[in-house]
Amino acid sequence: KNAIYASMGNEQANHQFLMQRLFGVWKEYRAEQAVQRFYEEKIAQLMTQFEDDAAELMHAQGLKIYSLKMALAEMKAQSERKLLFQYCLQKWDDCKYQRQLQDEL
């Protein structure tokens, strides 16, 4: 009888040890799941922040490009006005020179 009780005690001790080990593994698994969820949430936050920053940067670049295009258009218009003014002055000088020639004749 003592051998039977001893073997039953060993089985119970083995069973208890395995249950404790299983519970320990389960706790580790749950802790790892919590860490994984934390990192997944953090990655999602960073991705959202990255997308927001990228959209803001693209908007700022768009505004810069627009203002550069407007400045370029203004410079082009100024150049055209200067060229037209120079052309008009040249024509005025030509007409003035022709009038002087006519007056001398």
PDB file of N, CA and C in Angstrom:
ATOM      1  N   LYS A   1       0.809  -1.194   0.000  1.00  0.00           N
ATOM      2  CA  LYS A   1       0.000   0.000   0.000  1.00  0.00           C
ATOM      3  C   LYS A   1       0.850   1.255   0.000  1.00  0.00           C
ATOM      4  N   ASN A   2       1.893   1.258   0.742  1.00  0.00           N
ATOM      5  CA  ASN A   2       2.756   2.440   0.811  1.00  0.00           C
ATOM      6  C   ASN A   2       3.338   2.780  -0.557  1.00  0.00           C
ATOM      7  N   ALA A   3       3.647   1.763  -1.343  1.00  0.00           N
ATOM      8  CA  ALA A   3       4.178   1.985  -2.691  1.00  0.00           C
ATOM      9  C   ALA A   3       3.125   2.627  -3.579  1.00  0.00           C
ATOM     10  N   ILE A   4       1.890   2.195  -3.428  1.00  0.00           N
ATOM     11  CA  ILE A   4       0.790   2.776  -4.224  1.00  0.00           C
ATOM     12  C   ILE A   4       0.601   4.237  -3.837  1.00  0.00           C
ATOM     13  N   TYR A   5       0.554   4.488  -2.520  1.00  0.00           N
ATOM     14  CA  TYR A   5       0.410   5.879  -2.073  1.00  0.00           C
ATOM     15  C   TYR A   5       1.590   6.739  -2.530  1.00  0.00           C
ATOM     16  N   ALA A   6       2.771   6.139  -2.489  1.00  0.00           N
ATOM     17  CA  ALA A   6       3.969   6.867  -2.919  1.00  0.00           C
ATOM     18  C   ALA A   6       3.887   7.183  -4.395  1.00  0.00           C
ATOM     19  N   SER A   7       3.462   6.204  -5.197  1.00  0.00           N
ATOM     20  CA  SER A   7       3.364   6.473  -6.637  1.00  0.00           C
ATOM     21  C   SER A   7       2.256   7.472  -6.930  1.00  0.00           C
ATOM     22  N   MET A   8       1.139   7.389  -6.157  1.00  0.00           N
ATOM     23  CA  MET A   8       0.057   8.375  -6.340  1.00  0.00           C
ATOM     24  C   MET A   8       0.541   9.767  -5.943  1.00  0.00           C
ATOM     25  N   GLY A   9       1.342   9.819  -4.886  1.00  0.00           N
ATOM     26  CA  GLY A   9       1.896  11.109  -4.463  1.00  0.00           C
ATOM     27  C   GLY A   9       2.823  11.681  -5.513  1.00  0.00           C
ATOM     28  N   ASN A  10       3.616  10.798  -6.141  1.00  0.00           N
ATOM     29  CA  ASN A  10       4.521  11.270  -7.198  1.00  0.00           C
ATOM     30  C   ASN A  10       3.728  11.774  -8.403  1.00  0.00           C
ATOM     31  N   GLU A  11       2.665  11.026  -8.744  1.00  0.00           N
ATOM     32  CA  GLU A  11       1.835  11.458  -9.876  1.00  0.00           C
ATOM     33  C   GLU A  11       1.185  12.797  -9.579  1.00  0.00           C
ATOM     34  N   GLN A  12       0.681  12.939  -8.365  1.00  0.00           N
ATOM     35  CA  GLN A  12       0.040  14.205  -7.983  1.00  0.00           C
ATOM     36  C   GLN A  12       1.070  15.333  -7.997  1.00  0.00           C
ATOM     37  N   ALA A  13       2.260  15.050  -7.500  1.00  0.00           N
ATOM     38  CA  ALA A  13       3.313  16.073  -7.508  1.00  0.00           C
ATOM     39  C   ALA A  13       3.699  16.424  -8.938  1.00  0.00           C
ATOM     40  N   ASN A  14       3.818  15.405  -9.820  1.00  0.00           N
ATOM     41  CA  ASN A  14       4.131  15.670 -11.231  1.00  0.00           C
ATOM     42  C   ASN A  14       3.023  16.479 -11.888  1.00  0.00           C
ATOM     43  N   HIS A  15       1.774  16.074 -11.569  1.00  0.00           N
ATOM     44  CA  HIS A  15       0.627  16.788 -12.139  1.00  0.00           C
ATOM     45  C   HIS A  15       0.630  18.248 -11.677  1.00  0.00           C
ATOM     46  N   GLN A  16       0.872  18.460 -10.399  1.00  0.00           N
ATOM     47  CA  GLN A  16       0.896  19.828  -9.860  1.00  0.00           C
ATOM     48  C   GLN A  16       2.039  20.623 -10.485  1.00  0.00           C
ATOM     49  N   PHE A  17       3.209  19.979 -10.635  1.00  0.00           N
ATOM     50  CA  PHE A  17       4.350  20.656 -11.258  1.00  0.00           C
ATOM     51  C   PHE A  17       4.015  21.044 -12.693  1.00  0.00           C
ATOM     52  N   LEU A  18       3.400  20.105 -13.450  1.00  0.00           N
ATOM     53  CA  LEU A  18       3.040  20.404 -14.843  1.00  0.00           C
ATOM     54  C   LEU A  18       1.990  21.512 -14.923  1.00  0.00           C
ATOM     55  N   MET A  19       1.033  21.482 -14.002  1.00  0.00           N
ATOM     56  CA  MET A  19       0.005  22.539 -13.998  1.00  0.00           C
ATOM     57  C   MET A  19       0.634  23.900 -13.693  1.00  0.00           C
ATOM     58  N   GLN A  20       1.553  23.924 -12.718  1.00  0.00           N
ATOM     59  CA  GLN A  20       2.231  25.183 -12.401  1.00  0.00           C
ATOM     60  C   GLN A  20       3.063  25.663 -13.594  1.00  0.00           C
ATOM     61  N   ARG A  21       3.740  24.711 -14.225  1.00  0.00           N
ATOM     62  CA  ARG A  21       4.554  25.077 -15.403  1.00  0.00           C
ATOM     63  C   ARG A  21       3.668  25.585 -16.533  1.00  0.00           C
ATOM     64  N   LEU A  22       2.533  24.900 -16.759  1.00  0.00           N
ATOM     65  CA  LEU A  22       1.593  25.313 -17.796  1.00  0.00           C
ATOM     66  C   LEU A  22       1.036  26.706 -17.495  1.00  0.00           C
ATOM     67  N   PHE A  23       0.706  26.934 -16.225  1.00  0.00           N
ATOM     68  CA  PHE A  23       0.203  28.250 -15.834  1.00  0.00           C
ATOM     69  C   PHE A  23       1.266  29.322 -16.045  1.00  0.00           C
ATOM     70  N   GLY A  24       2.522  28.991 -15.739  1.00  0.00           N
ATOM     71  CA  GLY A  24       3.627  29.935 -15.959  1.00  0.00           C
ATOM     72  C   GLY A  24       3.801  30.249 -17.435  1.00  0.00           C
ATOM     73  N   VAL A  25       3.701  29.216 -18.277  1.00  0.00           N
ATOM     74  CA  VAL A  25       3.825  29.428 -19.720  1.00  0.00           C
ATOM     75  C   VAL A  25       2.660  30.279 -20.219  1.00  0.00           C
ATOM     76  N   TRP A  26       1.466  30.002 -19.699  1.00  0.00           N
ATOM     77  CA  TRP A  26       0.278  30.773 -20.110  1.00  0.00           C
ATOM     78  C   TRP A  26       0.445  32.239 -19.716  1.00  0.00           C
ATOM     79  N   LYS A  27       0.967  32.516 -18.504  1.00  0.00           N
ATOM     80  CA  LYS A  27       1.191  33.899 -18.067  1.00  0.00           C
ATOM     81  C   LYS A  27       2.222  34.585 -18.961  1.00  0.00           C
ATOM     82  N   GLU A  28       3.283  33.874 -19.324  1.00  0.00           N
ATOM     83  CA  GLU A  28       4.284  34.440 -20.231  1.00  0.00           C
ATOM     84  C   GLU A  28       3.662  34.772 -21.585  1.00  0.00           C
ATOM     85  N   TYR A  29       2.829  33.851 -22.069  1.00  0.00           N
ATOM     86  CA  TYR A  29       2.168  34.058 -23.362  1.00  0.00           C
ATOM     87  C   TYR A  29       1.271  35.290 -23.320  1.00  0.00           C
ATOM     88  N   ARG A  30       0.499  35.431 -22.241  1.00  0.00           N
ATOM     89  CA  ARG A  30      -0.395  36.599 -22.105  1.00  0.00           C
ATOM     90  C   ARG A  30       0.425  37.893 -22.006  1.00  0.00           C
ATOM     91  N   ALA A  31       1.559  37.828 -21.302  1.00  0.00           N
ATOM     92  CA  ALA A  31       2.413  39.023 -21.187  1.00  0.00           C
ATOM     93  C   ALA A  31       2.977  39.392 -22.559  1.00  0.00           C
ATOM     94  N   GLU A  32       3.396  38.384 -23.320  1.00  0.00           N
ATOM     95  CA  GLU A  32       3.916  38.652 -24.666  1.00  0.00           C
ATOM     96  C   GLU A  32       2.824  39.215 -25.572  1.00  0.00           C
ATOM     97  N   GLN A  33       1.591  38.716 -25.410  1.00  0.00           N
ATOM     98  CA  GLN A  33       0.478  39.259 -26.192  1.00  0.00           C
ATOM     99  C   GLN A  33       0.240  40.721 -25.855  1.00  0.00           C
ATOM    100  N   ALA A  34       0.319  41.054 -24.566  1.00  0.00           N
ATOM    101  CA  ALA A  34       0.132  42.449 -24.148  1.00  0.00           C
ATOM    102  C   ALA A  34       1.215  43.339 -24.756  1.00  0.00           C
ATOM    103  N   VAL A  35       2.459  42.861 -24.742  1.00  0.00           N
ATOM    104  CA  VAL A  35       3.565  43.626 -25.331  1.00  0.00           C
ATOM    105  C   VAL A  35       3.335  43.785 -26.833  1.00  0.00           C
ATOM    106  N   GLN A  36       2.899  42.719 -27.487  1.00  0.00           N
ATOM    107  CA  GLN A  36       2.654  42.784 -28.929  1.00  0.00           C
ATOM    108  C   GLN A  36       1.541  43.777 -29.245  1.00  0.00           C
ATOM    109  N   ARG A  37       0.463  43.746 -28.438  1.00  0.00           N
ATOM    110  CA  ARG A  37      -0.632  44.715 -28.655  1.00  0.00           C
ATOM    111  C   ARG A  37      -0.137  46.142 -28.464  1.00  0.00           C
ATOM    112  N   PHE A  38       0.705  46.344 -27.435  1.00  0.00           N
ATOM    113  CA  PHE A  38       1.261  47.675 -27.184  1.00  0.00           C
ATOM    114  C   PHE A  38       2.050  48.155 -28.402  1.00  0.00           C
ATOM    115  N   TYR A  39       2.921  47.291 -28.938  1.00  0.00           N
ATOM    116  CA  TYR A  39       3.730  47.693 -30.086  1.00  0.00           C
ATOM    117  C   TYR A  39       2.871  47.893 -31.329  1.00  0.00           C
ATOM    118  N   GLU A  40       1.834  47.077 -31.509  1.00  0.00           N
ATOM    119  CA  GLU A  40       0.945  47.265 -32.660  1.00  0.00           C
ATOM    120  C   GLU A  40       0.233  48.611 -32.583  1.00  0.00           C
ATOM    121  N   GLU A  41      -0.225  48.980 -31.364  1.00  0.00           N
ATOM    122  CA  GLU A  41      -0.874  50.283 -31.178  1.00  0.00           C
ATOM    123  C   GLU A  41       0.112  51.420 -31.428  1.00  0.00           C
ATOM    124  N   LYS A  42       1.333  51.247 -30.933  1.00  0.00           N
ATOM    125  CA  LYS A  42       2.360  52.286 -31.125  1.00  0.00           C
ATOM    126  C   LYS A  42       2.688  52.442 -32.611  1.00  0.00           C
ATOM    127  N   ILE A  43       2.802  51.314 -33.326  1.00  0.00           N
ATOM    128  CA  ILE A  43       3.078  51.369 -34.765  1.00  0.00           C
ATOM    129  C   ILE A  43       1.928  52.063 -35.491  1.00  0.00           C
ATOM    130  N   ALA A  44       0.686  51.748 -35.104  1.00  0.00           N
ATOM    131  CA  ALA A  44      -0.470  52.400 -35.732  1.00  0.00           C
ATOM    132  C   ALA A  44      -0.445  53.908 -35.484  1.00  0.00           C
ATOM    133  N   GLN A  45      -0.087  54.318 -34.260  1.00  0.00           N
ATOM    134  CA  GLN A  45       0.009  55.752 -33.948  1.00  0.00           C
ATOM    135  C   GLN A  45       1.088  56.416 -34.795  1.00  0.00           C
ATOM    136  N   LEU A  46       2.246  55.758 -34.887  1.00  0.00           N
ATOM    137  CA  LEU A  46       3.340  56.333 -35.663  1.00  0.00           C
ATOM    138  C   LEU A  46       2.993  56.422 -37.144  1.00  0.00           C
ATOM    139  N   MET A  47       2.292  55.412 -37.669  1.00  0.00           N
ATOM    140  CA  MET A  47       1.880  55.449 -39.072  1.00  0.00           C
ATOM    141  C   MET A  47       0.909  56.600 -39.316  1.00  0.00           C
ATOM    142  N   THR A  48      -0.037  56.790 -38.398  1.00  0.00           N
ATOM    143  CA  THR A  48      -0.984  57.904 -38.529  1.00  0.00           C
ATOM    144  C   THR A  48      -0.239  59.236 -38.484  1.00  0.00           C
ATOM    145  N   GLN A  49       0.691  59.347 -37.539  1.00  0.00           N
ATOM    146  CA  GLN A  49       1.476  60.586 -37.427  1.00  0.00           C
ATOM    147  C   GLN A  49       2.299  60.804 -38.697  1.00  0.00           C
ATOM    148  N   PHE A  50       2.901  59.735 -39.218  1.00  0.00           N
ATOM    149  CA  PHE A  50       3.693  59.835 -40.440  1.00  0.00           C
ATOM    150  C   PHE A  50       2.821  60.289 -41.609  1.00  0.00           C
ATOM    151  N   GLU A  51       1.620  59.702 -41.736  1.00  0.00           N
ATOM    152  CA  GLU A  51       0.721  60.087 -42.831  1.00  0.00           C
ATOM    153  C   GLU A  51       0.302  61.541 -42.692  1.00  0.00           C
ATOM    154  N   ASP A  52       0.004  61.979 -41.454  1.00  0.00           N
ATOM    155  CA  ASP A  52      -0.368  63.380 -41.233  1.00  0.00           C
ATOM    156  C   ASP A  52       0.792  64.316 -41.582  1.00  0.00           C
ATOM    157  N   ASP A  53       1.995  63.950 -41.128  1.00  0.00           N
ATOM    158  CA  ASP A  53       3.172  64.780 -41.428  1.00  0.00           C
ATOM    159  C   ASP A  53       3.442  64.825 -42.937  1.00  0.00           C
ATOM    160  N   ALA A  54       3.280  63.680 -43.600  1.00  0.00           N
ATOM    161  CA  ALA A  54       3.508  63.640 -45.045  1.00  0.00           C
ATOM    162  C   ALA A  54       2.490  64.513 -45.770  1.00  0.00           C
ATOM    163  N   ALA A  55       1.233  64.444 -45.347  1.00  0.00           N
ATOM    164  CA  ALA A  55       0.200  65.272 -45.979  1.00  0.00           C
ATOM    165  C   ALA A  55       0.483  66.754 -45.755  1.00  0.00           C
ATOM    166  N   GLU A  56       0.903  67.093 -44.537  1.00  0.00           N
ATOM    167  CA  GLU A  56       1.227  68.492 -44.229  1.00  0.00           C
ATOM    168  C   GLU A  56       2.415  68.972 -45.065  1.00  0.00           C
ATOM    169  N   LEU A  57       3.427  68.118 -45.190  1.00  0.00           N
ATOM    170  CA  LEU A  57       4.604  68.465 -45.981  1.00  0.00           C
ATOM    171  C   LEU A  57       4.248  68.640 -47.451  1.00  0.00           C
ATOM    172  N   MET A  58       3.412  67.728 -47.970  1.00  0.00           N
ATOM    173  CA  MET A  58       3.006  67.841 -49.373  1.00  0.00           C
ATOM    174  C   MET A  58       2.206  69.123 -49.599  1.00  0.00           C
ATOM    175  N   HIS A  59       1.353  69.490 -48.625  1.00  0.00           N
ATOM    176  CA  HIS A  59       0.588  70.729 -48.739  1.00  0.00           C
ATOM    177  C   HIS A  59       1.523  71.934 -48.743  1.00  0.00           C
ATOM    178  N   ALA A  60       2.507  71.906 -47.829  1.00  0.00           N
ATOM    179  CA  ALA A  60       3.471  73.019 -47.768  1.00  0.00           C
ATOM    180  C   ALA A  60       4.271  73.104 -49.063  1.00  0.00           C
ATOM    181  N   GLN A  61       4.699  71.950 -49.596  1.00  0.00           N
ATOM    182  CA  GLN A  61       5.443  71.950 -50.857  1.00  0.00           C
ATOM    183  C   GLN A  61       4.557  72.470 -51.985  1.00  0.00           C
ATOM    184  N   GLY A  62       3.279  72.073 -51.972  1.00  0.00           N
ATOM    185  CA  GLY A  62       2.349  72.562 -52.988  1.00  0.00           C
ATOM    186  C   GLY A  62       2.221  74.075 -52.935  1.00  0.00           C
ATOM    187  N   LEU A  63       2.134  74.620 -51.714  1.00  0.00           N
ATOM    188  CA  LEU A  63       2.052  76.081 -51.568  1.00  0.00           C
ATOM    189  C   LEU A  63       3.336  76.748 -52.050  1.00  0.00           C
ATOM    190  N   LYS A  64       4.490  76.131 -51.754  1.00  0.00           N
ATOM    191  CA  LYS A  64       5.763  76.701 -52.214  1.00  0.00           C
ATOM    192  C   LYS A  64       5.817  76.700 -53.735  1.00  0.00           C
ATOM    193  N   ILE A  65       5.424  75.584 -54.334  1.00  0.00           N
ATOM    194  CA  ILE A  65       5.451  75.495 -55.799  1.00  0.00           C
ATOM    195  C   ILE A  65       4.502  76.522 -56.404  1.00  0.00           C
ATOM    196  N   TYR A  66       3.310  76.677 -55.807  1.00  0.00           N
ATOM    197  CA  TYR A  66       2.345  77.663 -56.299  1.00  0.00           C
ATOM    198  C   TYR A  66       2.925  79.074 -56.210  1.00  0.00           C
ATOM    199  N   SER A  67       3.528  79.392 -55.049  1.00  0.00           N
ATOM    200  CA  SER A  67       4.076  80.740 -54.904  1.00  0.00           C
ATOM    201  C   SER A  67       5.255  80.954 -55.864  1.00  0.00           C
ATOM    202  N   LEU A  68       6.051  79.910 -56.112  1.00  0.00           N
ATOM    203  CA  LEU A  68       7.141  80.031 -57.081  1.00  0.00           C
ATOM    204  C   LEU A  68       6.596  80.249 -58.497  1.00  0.00           C
ATOM    205  N   LYS A  69       5.533  79.518 -58.835  1.00  0.00           N
ATOM    206  CA  LYS A  69       4.929  79.709 -60.159  1.00  0.00           C
ATOM    207  C   LYS A  69       4.378  81.126 -60.304  1.00  0.00           C
ATOM    208  N   MET A  70       3.750  81.622 -59.239  1.00  0.00           N
ATOM    209  CA  MET A  70       3.216  82.989 -59.289  1.00  0.00           C
ATOM    210  C   MET A  70       4.350  84.005 -59.426  1.00  0.00           C
ATOM    211  N   ALA A  71       5.434  83.804 -58.685  1.00  0.00           N
ATOM    212  CA  ALA A  71       6.574  84.720 -58.775  1.00  0.00           C
ATOM    213  C   ALA A  71       7.190  84.664 -60.171  1.00  0.00           C
ATOM    214  N   LEU A  72       7.286  83.474 -60.732  1.00  0.00           N
ATOM    215  CA  LEU A  72       7.818  83.329 -62.084  1.00  0.00           C
ATOM    216  C   LEU A  72       6.926  84.037 -63.100  1.00  0.00           C
ATOM    217  N   ALA A  73       5.618  83.872 -62.947  1.00  0.00           N
ATOM    218  CA  ALA A  73       4.689  84.551 -63.859  1.00  0.00           C
ATOM    219  C   ALA A  73       4.818  86.068 -63.739  1.00  0.00           C
ATOM    220  N   GLU A  74       4.987  86.555 -62.509  1.00  0.00           N
ATOM    221  CA  GLU A  74       5.152  87.994 -62.297  1.00  0.00           C
ATOM    222  C   GLU A  74       6.457  88.490 -62.923  1.00  0.00           C
ATOM    223  N   MET A  75       7.532  87.720 -62.772  1.00  0.00           N
ATOM    224  CA  MET A  75       8.810  88.109 -63.382  1.00  0.00           C
ATOM    225  C   MET A  75       8.698  88.115 -64.906  1.00  0.00           C
ATOM    226  N   LYS A  76       7.990  87.146 -65.449  1.00  0.00           N
ATOM    227  CA  LYS A  76       7.801  87.090 -66.891  1.00  0.00           C
ATOM    228  C   LYS A  76       7.011  88.304 -67.372  1.00  0.00           C
ATOM    229  N   ALA A  77       5.961  88.640 -66.628  1.00  0.00           N
ATOM    230  CA  ALA A  77       5.161  89.810 -66.998  1.00  0.00           C
ATOM    231  C   ALA A  77       5.991  91.088 -66.912  1.00  0.00           C
ATOM    232  N   GLN A  78       6.814  91.205 -65.865  1.00  0.00           N
ATOM    233  CA  GLN A  78       7.677  92.384 -65.739  1.00  0.00           C
ATOM    234  C   GLN A  78       8.658  92.466 -66.906  1.00  0.00           C
ATOM    235  N   SER A  79       9.230  91.330 -67.274  1.00  0.00           N
ATOM    236  CA  SER A  79      10.176  91.311 -68.402  1.00  0.00           C
ATOM    237  C   SER A  79       9.479  91.719 -69.688  1.00  0.00           C
ATOM    238  N   GLU A  80       8.264  91.196 -69.883  1.00  0.00           N
ATOM    239  CA  GLU A  80       7.518  91.567 -71.093  1.00  0.00           C
ATOM    240  C   GLU A  80       7.206  93.057 -71.091  1.00  0.00           C
ATOM    241  N   ARG A  81       6.828  93.605 -69.930  1.00  0.00           N
ATOM    242  CA  ARG A  81       6.545  95.049 -69.860  1.00  0.00           C
ATOM    243  C   ARG A  81       7.803  95.865 -70.148  1.00  0.00           C
ATOM    244  N   LYS A  82       8.957  95.420 -69.597  1.00  0.00           N
ATOM    245  CA  LYS A  82      10.215  96.120 -69.852  1.00  0.00           C
ATOM    246  C   LYS A  82      10.573  96.079 -71.335  1.00  0.00           C
ATOM    247  N   LEU A  83      10.419  94.886 -71.937  1.00  0.00           N
ATOM    248  CA  LEU A  83      10.723  94.775 -73.367  1.00  0.00           C
ATOM    249  C   LEU A  83       9.802  95.662 -74.198  1.00  0.00           C
ATOM    250  N   LEU A  84       8.522  95.674 -73.849  1.00  0.00           N
ATOM    251  CA  LEU A  84       7.569  96.515 -74.578  1.00  0.00           C
ATOM    252  C   LEU A  84       7.916  97.993 -74.406  1.00  0.00           C
ATOM    253  N   PHE A  85       8.272  98.375 -73.181  1.00  0.00           N
ATOM    254  CA  PHE A  85       8.652  99.760 -72.929  1.00  0.00           C
ATOM    255  C   PHE A  85       9.901 100.135 -73.730  1.00  0.00           C
ATOM    256  N   GLN A  86      10.901  99.241 -73.745  1.00  0.00           N
ATOM    257  CA  GLN A  86      12.120  99.493 -74.531  1.00  0.00           C
ATOM    258  C   GLN A  86      11.794  99.602 -76.019  1.00  0.00           C
ATOM    259  N   TYR A  87      10.892  98.737 -76.499  1.00  0.00           N
ATOM    260  CA  TYR A  87      10.489  98.780 -77.900  1.00  0.00           C
ATOM    261  C   TYR A  87       9.819 100.122 -78.217  1.00  0.00           C
ATOM    262  N   CYS A  88       8.938 100.544 -77.300  1.00  0.00           N
ATOM    263  CA  CYS A  88       8.258 101.830 -77.509  1.00  0.00           C
ATOM    264  C   CYS A  88       9.244 102.992 -77.506  1.00  0.00           C
ATOM    265  N   LEU A  89      10.212 102.957 -76.587  1.00  0.00           N
ATOM    266  CA  LEU A  89      11.224 104.021 -76.558  1.00  0.00           C
ATOM    267  C   LEU A  89      12.038 104.029 -77.844  1.00  0.00           C
ATOM    268  N   GLN A  90      12.385 102.850 -78.333  1.00  0.00           N
ATOM    269  CA  GLN A  90      13.140 102.742 -79.577  1.00  0.00           C
ATOM    270  C   GLN A  90      12.344 103.329 -80.741  1.00  0.00           C
ATOM    271  N   LYS A  91      11.055 102.964 -80.788  1.00  0.00           N
ATOM    272  CA  LYS A  91      10.203 103.508 -81.861  1.00  0.00           C
ATOM    273  C   LYS A  91      10.074 105.025 -81.744  1.00  0.00           C
ATOM    274  N   TRP A  92       9.943 105.486 -80.502  1.00  0.00           N
ATOM    275  CA  TRP A  92       9.842 106.927 -80.280  1.00  0.00           C
ATOM    276  C   TRP A  92      11.111 107.623 -80.763  1.00  0.00           C
ATOM    277  N   ASP A  93      12.270 107.031 -80.417  1.00  0.00           N
ATOM    278  CA  ASP A  93      13.540 107.610 -80.877  1.00  0.00           C
ATOM    279  C   ASP A  93      13.623 107.576 -82.397  1.00  0.00           C
ATOM    280  N   ASP A  94      13.171 106.464 -83.011  1.00  0.00           N
ATOM    281  CA  ASP A  94      13.200 106.366 -84.478  1.00  0.00           C
ATOM    282  C   ASP A  94      12.321 107.450 -85.105  1.00  0.00           C
ATOM    283  N   CYS A  95      11.129 107.608 -84.562  1.00  0.00           N
ATOM    284  CA  CYS A  95      10.210 108.630 -85.102  1.00  0.00           C
ATOM    285  C   CYS A  95      10.789 110.031 -84.897  1.00  0.00           C
ATOM    286  N   LYS A  96      11.386 110.266 -83.739  1.00  0.00           N
ATOM    287  CA  LYS A  96      11.982 111.564 -83.432  1.00  0.00           C
ATOM    288  C   LYS A  96      13.129 111.851 -84.418  1.00  0.00           C
ATOM    289  N   TYR A  97      13.954 110.813 -84.677  1.00  0.00           N
ATOM    290  CA  TYR A  97      15.065 110.974 -85.615  1.00  0.00           C
ATOM    291  C   TYR A  97      14.533 111.269 -87.022  1.00  0.00           C
ATOM    292  N   GLN A  98      13.472 110.569 -87.441  1.00  0.00           N
ATOM    293  CA  GLN A  98      12.890 110.813 -88.774  1.00  0.00           C
ATOM    294  C   GLN A  98      12.303 112.212 -88.853  1.00  0.00           C
ATOM    295  N   ARG A  99      11.673 112.691 -87.795  1.00  0.00           N
ATOM    296  CA  ARG A  99      11.122 114.055 -87.809  1.00  0.00           C
ATOM    297  C   ARG A  99      12.241 115.096 -87.924  1.00  0.00           C
ATOM    298  N   GLN A 100      13.354 114.827 -87.227  1.00  0.00           N
ATOM    299  CA  GLN A 100      14.481 115.746 -87.326  1.00  0.00           C
ATOM    300  C   GLN A 100      15.006 115.800 -88.748  1.00  0.00           C
ATOM    301  N   LEU A 101      15.086 114.630 -89.402  1.00  0.00           N
ATOM    302  CA  LEU A 101      15.554 114.575 -90.783  1.00  0.00           C
ATOM    303  C   LEU A 101      14.582 115.347 -91.693  1.00  0.00           C
ATOM    304  N   GLN A 102      13.294 115.164 -91.475  1.00  0.00           N
ATOM    305  CA  GLN A 102      12.305 115.857 -92.300  1.00  0.00           C
ATOM    306  C   GLN A 102      12.383 117.371 -92.090  1.00  0.00           C
ATOM    307  N   ASP A 103      12.588 117.750 -90.823  1.00  0.00           N
ATOM    308  CA  ASP A 103      12.664 119.173 -90.527  1.00  0.00           C
ATOM    309  C   ASP A 103      13.903 119.797 -91.182  1.00  0.00           C
ATOM    310  N   GLU A 104      15.003 119.057 -91.237  1.00  0.00           N
ATOM    311  CA  GLU A 104      16.221 119.561 -91.845  1.00  0.00           C
ATOM    312  C   GLU A 104      16.059 119.680 -93.350  1.00  0.00           C
ATOM    313  N   LEU A 105      15.263 118.767 -93.937  1.00  0.00           N
ATOM    314  CA  LEU A 105      15.077 118.834 -95.375  1.00  0.00           C
ATOM    315  C   LEU A 105      14.131 119.952 -95.679  1.00  0.00           C
TER     316      LEU A 105
END
